Amino acid sequence: MEKKTIQTVDEYILQFKPEIQTILNEIRTFILSIAPQTQETISYQMPTYKYYGNLVHFAAHAHHIGFYPGPNGIEAFQDKFLGLKYSKGAVQFDLNKPIPYDLIRAIVDYRLKENTRVYHGKLEQKKK
């Protein structure tokens, strides 16, 4: 059986149970409220937000929401991940606990600044 390719964030969210849809919609709305300049798309078959490149991704799993801010987004906030599972490029938010929106805000703000800094740095290099 061929797996369906997801084209939109709405399609992605609708494939889950209603209680998971609620969480995913809340995360989506929250990211867009703090980073309205981002482009919302699907990448790696999960909701993705881009601003001068990939900003963050998120995805629902059986027992957690995976939040993917890339290696520098994880490294900058490792000390805030007490009690959370994380790896080089991802952190897991347990579905049985409140989603840490303050942490998401801090990571998204950091990634916005980082992507902007890198983008403008590349522009400066091209001028030389």
C-alpha atoms as a PDB file:
ATOM      1  CA  MET A   1       0.000   0.000   0.000  1.00  0.00           C
ATOM      2  CA  GLU A   2       1.383   3.385  -0.992  1.00  0.00           C
ATOM      3  CA  LYS A   3       1.733   5.967   1.758  1.00  0.00           C
ATOM      4  CA  LYS A   4      -0.116   9.230   1.089  1.00  0.00           C
ATOM      5  CA  THR A   5       2.099  12.269   0.729  1.00  0.00           C
ATOM      6  CA  ILE A   6       0.922  15.141   2.897  1.00  0.00           C
ATOM      7  CA  GLN A   7       0.687  18.455   1.025  1.00  0.00           C
ATOM      8  CA  THR A   8      -0.541  20.928   3.656  1.00  0.00           C
ATOM      9  CA  VAL A   9      -0.379  21.453   7.398  1.00  0.00           C
ATOM     10  CA  ASP A  10      -4.161  21.072   7.543  1.00  0.00           C
ATOM     11  CA  GLU A  11      -3.868  17.613   5.931  1.00  0.00           C
ATOM     12  CA  TYR A  12      -1.125  16.702   8.372  1.00  0.00           C
ATOM     13  CA  ILE A  13      -3.190  17.676  11.405  1.00  0.00           C
ATOM     14  CA  LEU A  14      -6.392  16.004  10.177  1.00  0.00           C
ATOM     15  CA  GLN A  15      -4.769  12.569  10.117  1.00  0.00           C
ATOM     16  CA  PHE A  16      -4.682  12.451  13.956  1.00  0.00           C
ATOM     17  CA  LYS A  17      -7.282  11.887  16.658  1.00  0.00           C
ATOM     18  CA  PRO A  18      -9.217  15.012  17.716  1.00  0.00           C
ATOM     19  CA  GLU A  19      -7.323  15.472  20.987  1.00  0.00           C
ATOM     20  CA  ILE A  20      -3.986  15.397  19.118  1.00  0.00           C
ATOM     21  CA  GLN A  21      -5.398  17.719  16.439  1.00  0.00           C
ATOM     22  CA  THR A  22      -6.173  20.229  19.187  1.00  0.00           C
ATOM     23  CA  ILE A  23      -2.581  20.188  20.454  1.00  0.00           C
ATOM     24  CA  LEU A  24      -1.141  20.423  16.941  1.00  0.00           C
ATOM     25  CA  ASN A  25      -3.422  23.332  16.067  1.00  0.00           C
ATOM     26  CA  GLU A  26      -2.448  25.113  19.280  1.00  0.00           C
ATOM     27  CA  ILE A  27       1.259  24.715  18.499  1.00  0.00           C
ATOM     28  CA  ARG A  28       0.695  25.841  14.908  1.00  0.00           C
ATOM     29  CA  THR A  29      -1.271  28.914  15.972  1.00  0.00           C
ATOM     30  CA  PHE A  30       1.284  29.744  18.641  1.00  0.00           C
ATOM     31  CA  ILE A  31       4.237  29.582  16.234  1.00  0.00           C
ATOM     32  CA  LEU A  32       2.401  31.745  13.695  1.00  0.00           C
ATOM     33  CA  SER A  33       1.471  34.261  16.396  1.00  0.00           C
ATOM     34  CA  ILE A  34       5.094  34.805  17.410  1.00  0.00           C
ATOM     35  CA  ALA A  35       6.576  34.432  13.933  1.00  0.00           C
ATOM     36  CA  PRO A  36       3.971  35.655  11.429  1.00  0.00           C
ATOM     37  CA  GLN A  37       6.689  36.352   8.878  1.00  0.00           C
ATOM     38  CA  THR A  38       7.395  32.642   8.467  1.00  0.00           C
ATOM     39  CA  GLN A  39       6.335  30.514   5.541  1.00  0.00           C
ATOM     40  CA  GLU A  40       4.289  27.508   6.633  1.00  0.00           C
ATOM     41  CA  THR A  41       4.914  24.387   4.577  1.00  0.00           C
ATOM     42  CA  ILE A  42       5.382  20.632   4.784  1.00  0.00           C
ATOM     43  CA  SER A  43       8.927  19.323   4.808  1.00  0.00           C
ATOM     44  CA  TYR A  44      10.028  15.819   5.806  1.00  0.00           C
ATOM     45  CA  GLN A  45       6.274  15.061   5.980  1.00  0.00           C
ATOM     46  CA  MET A  46       5.758  17.383   8.971  1.00  0.00           C
ATOM     47  CA  PRO A  47       4.696  20.991   9.567  1.00  0.00           C
ATOM     48  CA  THR A  48       7.634  23.269   8.879  1.00  0.00           C
ATOM     49  CA  TYR A  49       8.162  26.985   9.362  1.00  0.00           C
ATOM     50  CA  LYS A  50      10.728  28.754   7.214  1.00  0.00           C
ATOM     51  CA  TYR A  51      12.392  32.116   7.525  1.00  0.00           C
ATOM     52  CA  TYR A  52      15.674  32.451   5.684  1.00  0.00           C
ATOM     53  CA  GLY A  53      15.748  28.654   5.716  1.00  0.00           C
ATOM     54  CA  ASN A  54      14.225  26.082   8.033  1.00  0.00           C
ATOM     55  CA  LEU A  55      13.190  27.590  11.337  1.00  0.00           C
ATOM     56  CA  VAL A  56      11.384  24.769  13.187  1.00  0.00           C
ATOM     57  CA  HIS A  57       9.369  21.619  12.479  1.00  0.00           C
ATOM     58  CA  PHE A  58       6.997  19.692  14.717  1.00  0.00           C
ATOM     59  CA  ALA A  59       5.357  16.293  14.525  1.00  0.00           C
ATOM     60  CA  ALA A  60       2.982  14.104  16.507  1.00  0.00           C
ATOM     61  CA  HIS A  61       4.132  10.702  17.697  1.00  0.00           C
ATOM     62  CA  ALA A  62       2.478   8.022  19.828  1.00  0.00           C
ATOM     63  CA  HIS A  63       3.410   9.549  23.185  1.00  0.00           C
ATOM     64  CA  HIS A  64       4.969  12.910  22.423  1.00  0.00           C
ATOM     65  CA  ILE A  65       5.206  15.903  20.129  1.00  0.00           C
ATOM     66  CA  GLY A  66       8.586  16.139  18.480  1.00  0.00           C
ATOM     67  CA  PHE A  67       9.868  19.695  18.122  1.00  0.00           C
ATOM     68  CA  TYR A  68      12.772  20.140  15.716  1.00  0.00           C
ATOM     69  CA  PRO A  69      14.653  23.452  15.890  1.00  0.00           C
ATOM     70  CA  GLY A  70      17.876  22.024  14.468  1.00  0.00           C
ATOM     71  CA  PRO A  71      21.154  21.428  16.289  1.00  0.00           C
ATOM     72  CA  ASN A  72      21.837  25.056  17.187  1.00  0.00           C
ATOM     73  CA  GLY A  73      18.309  25.477  18.575  1.00  0.00           C
ATOM     74  CA  ILE A  74      18.832  22.438  20.795  1.00  0.00           C
ATOM     75  CA  GLU A  75      22.332  23.409  21.885  1.00  0.00           C
ATOM     76  CA  ALA A  76      21.245  26.904  22.927  1.00  0.00           C
ATOM     77  CA  PHE A  77      18.494  25.569  25.228  1.00  0.00           C
ATOM     78  CA  GLN A  78      19.830  22.274  26.602  1.00  0.00           C
ATOM     79  CA  ASP A  79      19.795  23.673  30.132  1.00  0.00           C
ATOM     80  CA  LYS A  80      16.016  24.275  29.788  1.00  0.00           C
ATOM     81  CA  PHE A  81      15.247  20.654  28.853  1.00  0.00           C
ATOM     82  CA  LEU A  82      15.180  19.265  32.392  1.00  0.00           C
ATOM     83  CA  GLY A  83      12.872  16.256  32.399  1.00  0.00           C
ATOM     84  CA  LEU A  84      12.579  16.255  28.601  1.00  0.00           C
ATOM     85  CA  LYS A  85      14.107  13.803  26.155  1.00  0.00           C
ATOM     86  CA  TYR A  86      16.197  15.485  23.495  1.00  0.00           C
ATOM     87  CA  SER A  87      18.783  14.709  20.856  1.00  0.00           C
ATOM     88  CA  LYS A  88      21.082  16.667  18.572  1.00  0.00           C
ATOM     89  CA  GLY A  89      18.202  18.266  16.642  1.00  0.00           C
ATOM     90  CA  ALA A  90      14.984  17.500  18.506  1.00  0.00           C
ATOM     91  CA  VAL A  91      13.198  17.738  21.825  1.00  0.00           C
ATOM     92  CA  GLN A  92      10.164  15.682  22.884  1.00  0.00           C
ATOM     93  CA  PHE A  93       7.140  17.137  24.640  1.00  0.00           C
ATOM     94  CA  ASP A  94       5.248  14.388  26.467  1.00  0.00           C
ATOM     95  CA  LEU A  95       1.555  14.311  25.541  1.00  0.00           C
ATOM     96  CA  ASN A  96       0.650  13.695  29.199  1.00  0.00           C
ATOM     97  CA  LYS A  97       2.188  16.999  30.314  1.00  0.00           C
ATOM     98  CA  PRO A  98       1.469  20.608  29.393  1.00  0.00           C
ATOM     99  CA  ILE A  99       3.213  21.817  26.245  1.00  0.00           C
ATOM    100  CA  PRO A 100       5.990  24.242  27.332  1.00  0.00           C
ATOM    101  CA  TYR A 101       4.927  27.242  25.260  1.00  0.00           C
ATOM    102  CA  ASP A 102       7.411  29.578  26.961  1.00  0.00           C
ATOM    103  CA  LEU A 103      10.200  27.283  25.814  1.00  0.00           C
ATOM    104  CA  ILE A 104       8.783  27.110  22.280  1.00  0.00           C
ATOM    105  CA  ARG A 105       8.620  30.925  22.212  1.00  0.00           C
ATOM    106  CA  ALA A 106      12.237  31.241  23.340  1.00  0.00           C
ATOM    107  CA  ILE A 107      13.452  28.699  20.781  1.00  0.00           C
ATOM    108  CA  VAL A 108      11.498  30.240  17.899  1.00  0.00           C
ATOM    109  CA  ASP A 109      12.729  33.739  18.818  1.00  0.00           C
ATOM    110  CA  TYR A 110      16.295  32.442  18.953  1.00  0.00           C
ATOM    111  CA  ARG A 111      15.972  30.658  15.604  1.00  0.00           C
ATOM    112  CA  LEU A 112      14.493  33.788  13.963  1.00  0.00           C
ATOM    113  CA  LYS A 113      17.481  35.836  15.112  1.00  0.00           C
ATOM    114  CA  GLU A 114      19.964  33.119  14.182  1.00  0.00           C
ATOM    115  CA  ASN A 115      18.557  32.585  10.686  1.00  0.00           C
ATOM    116  CA  THR A 116      18.487  36.356  10.102  1.00  0.00           C
ATOM    117  CA  ARG A 117      22.079  36.709  11.311  1.00  0.00           C
ATOM    118  CA  VAL A 118      23.313  33.881   9.073  1.00  0.00           C
ATOM    119  CA  TYR A 119      21.397  35.186   6.056  1.00  0.00           C
ATOM    120  CA  HIS A 120      22.763  38.721   6.402  1.00  0.00           C
ATOM    121  CA  GLY A 121      26.253  37.343   7.026  1.00  0.00           C
ATOM    122  CA  LYS A 122      26.073  35.507   3.709  1.00  0.00           C
ATOM    123  CA  LEU A 123      24.915  38.677   1.969  1.00  0.00           C
ATOM    124  CA  GLU A 124      27.886  40.555   3.417  1.00  0.00           C
ATOM    125  CA  GLN A 125      30.254  37.832   2.210  1.00  0.00           C
ATOM    126  CA  LYS A 126      28.851  38.114  -1.333  1.00  0.00           C
ATOM    127  CA  LYS A 127      29.560  41.860  -1.321  1.00  0.00           C
ATOM    128  CA  LYS A 128      33.261  41.279  -0.643  1.00  0.00           C
END
